[in-house]
Amino acid sequence: VQLVESGGGLVQPGGSLKLSCVTSGFTFSTSPMRWYRQAPGKERDMVAFISIGGRSTDYLDSVKGRFTISRDDAKNTVYLHMNNLKPEDTAVYYCNAGARYPWGQGTQVAVST
């Protein structure tokens, strides 16, 4: 099983980024998917959830209206579209397929002037 996150970078406040997580080694289409983030010295928090087939989503309150999670089952990939980024969004972002599967290496997002 592999989860490979990409798309992070340095962006100014108010900017946007699109994160991708390409997966392999398990049946992506039957797996709910989540994005997490971990800021330095803090716990890893769930940011977004998407159900099988994308029928339902859920978000951390602080990102509602700014972040959108989506999935492409044909590409075994989950995305996180992030708009109106704030300095407090700075963290390493990870995708997750459930407790049975390993974490990826994450992708660093830094929001700063």
Protein backbone atom coordinates (compact mmCIF):
# COMPACT_ATOMS: atom_id res chain seq x y z
CA VAL A 1 0.00 0.00 0.00
CA GLN A 2 1.28 3.43 -0.91
CA LEU A 3 -0.10 6.93 -0.48
CA VAL A 4 1.88 9.71 -2.13
CA GLU A 5 0.92 13.29 -1.38
CA SER A 6 2.00 16.25 -3.49
CA GLY A 7 1.08 19.83 -4.31
CA GLY A 8 2.21 21.63 -1.20
CA GLY A 9 4.32 24.75 -1.20
CA LEU A 10 4.73 28.29 0.06
CA VAL A 11 1.81 30.59 -0.59
CA GLN A 12 0.76 34.03 0.59
CA PRO A 13 -2.31 34.50 2.78
CA GLY A 14 -5.42 34.43 0.61
CA GLY A 15 -3.78 32.15 -1.91
CA SER A 16 -4.78 28.70 -3.12
CA LEU A 17 -3.25 25.26 -3.45
CA LYS A 18 -4.46 21.92 -4.73
CA LEU A 19 -3.10 18.85 -2.96
CA SER A 20 -3.16 15.40 -4.56
CA CYS A 21 -2.79 11.96 -3.02
CA VAL A 22 -2.14 9.10 -5.44
CA THR A 23 -2.77 5.70 -3.92
CA SER A 24 -2.00 2.10 -4.79
CA GLY A 25 -2.16 -1.37 -3.27
CA PHE A 26 -5.76 -1.36 -2.05
CA THR A 27 -9.25 -0.94 -3.47
CA PHE A 28 -9.51 2.84 -3.54
CA SER A 29 -13.06 2.94 -4.85
CA THR A 30 -14.41 1.18 -1.75
CA SER A 31 -12.43 3.23 0.76
CA PRO A 32 -13.54 6.40 2.49
CA MET A 33 -10.66 8.86 2.41
CA ARG A 34 -9.46 11.62 4.73
CA TRP A 35 -6.98 14.46 4.75
CA TYR A 36 -5.15 15.26 7.97
CA ARG A 37 -2.68 17.96 8.91
CA GLN A 38 -0.06 18.35 11.58
CA ALA A 39 1.48 21.66 12.57
CA PRO A 40 4.79 21.76 14.48
CA GLY A 41 4.29 20.78 18.10
CA LYS A 42 0.61 19.95 17.60
CA GLU A 43 -1.54 16.86 17.22
CA ARG A 44 -2.46 15.48 13.80
CA ASP A 45 -6.01 16.67 13.07
CA MET A 46 -8.51 15.48 10.49
CA VAL A 47 -9.23 18.24 8.00
CA ALA A 48 -11.60 16.64 5.51
CA PHE A 49 -13.48 13.40 4.85
CA ILE A 50 -15.04 11.98 1.71
CA SER A 51 -17.22 8.91 1.60
CA ILE A 52 -17.19 6.07 -0.89
CA GLY A 53 -18.34 7.48 -4.21
CA GLY A 54 -18.03 11.04 -2.91
CA ARG A 55 -21.65 11.12 -1.80
CA SER A 56 -20.85 12.90 1.45
CA THR A 57 -18.07 15.08 2.79
CA ASP A 58 -17.20 16.64 6.12
CA TYR A 59 -14.71 19.26 7.23
CA LEU A 60 -12.92 20.68 10.22
CA ASP A 61 -14.91 23.76 11.24
CA SER A 62 -12.01 26.12 10.64
CA VAL A 63 -11.70 25.12 6.97
CA LYS A 64 -15.39 24.92 6.04
CA GLY A 65 -16.14 27.10 3.03
CA ARG A 66 -12.45 27.30 2.09
CA PHE A 67 -11.37 23.68 1.50
CA THR A 68 -12.99 21.11 -0.79
CA ILE A 69 -12.19 17.40 -0.83
CA SER A 70 -12.83 15.37 -3.98
CA ARG A 71 -11.88 12.00 -5.42
CA ASP A 72 -11.26 10.40 -8.79
CA ASP A 73 -11.77 6.66 -8.48
CA ALA A 74 -10.46 6.08 -12.01
CA LYS A 75 -7.11 7.56 -10.94
CA ASN A 76 -7.10 6.20 -7.36
CA THR A 77 -6.53 9.78 -6.26
CA VAL A 78 -8.00 12.07 -3.64
CA TYR A 79 -7.64 15.86 -3.79
CA LEU A 80 -7.83 18.76 -1.39
CA HIS A 81 -8.57 22.13 -2.95
CA MET A 82 -7.58 24.89 -0.52
CA ASN A 83 -8.67 28.49 -1.05
CA ASN A 84 -8.26 31.66 1.00
CA LEU A 85 -5.35 30.11 2.86
CA LYS A 86 -4.42 31.50 6.26
CA PRO A 87 -1.16 31.34 8.24
CA GLU A 88 -2.85 28.93 10.66
CA ASP A 89 -3.25 26.45 7.79
CA THR A 90 0.53 25.95 7.80
CA ALA A 91 1.20 22.25 8.41
CA VAL A 92 2.23 18.99 6.84
CA TYR A 93 -0.81 17.51 5.09
CA TYR A 94 -1.40 13.76 4.86
CA CYS A 95 -4.04 11.64 3.20
CA ASN A 96 -5.35 8.57 4.97
CA ALA A 97 -7.23 5.47 3.88
CA GLY A 98 -8.01 4.08 7.31
CA ALA A 99 -6.27 2.64 10.34
CA ARG A 100 -5.22 -0.52 8.47
CA TYR A 101 -3.04 1.40 6.04
CA PRO A 102 0.25 3.29 6.43
CA TRP A 103 0.63 7.04 6.27
CA GLY A 104 2.30 8.71 3.33
CA GLN A 105 5.22 11.11 3.65
CA GLY A 106 2.96 14.14 3.63
CA THR A 107 3.28 17.43 1.77
CA GLN A 108 4.30 20.69 3.43
CA VAL A 109 2.00 23.71 3.17
CA ALA A 110 3.34 27.04 4.37
CA VAL A 111 1.21 30.19 4.36
CA SER A 112 3.22 33.32 4.95
CA THR A 113 4.05 36.76 3.62
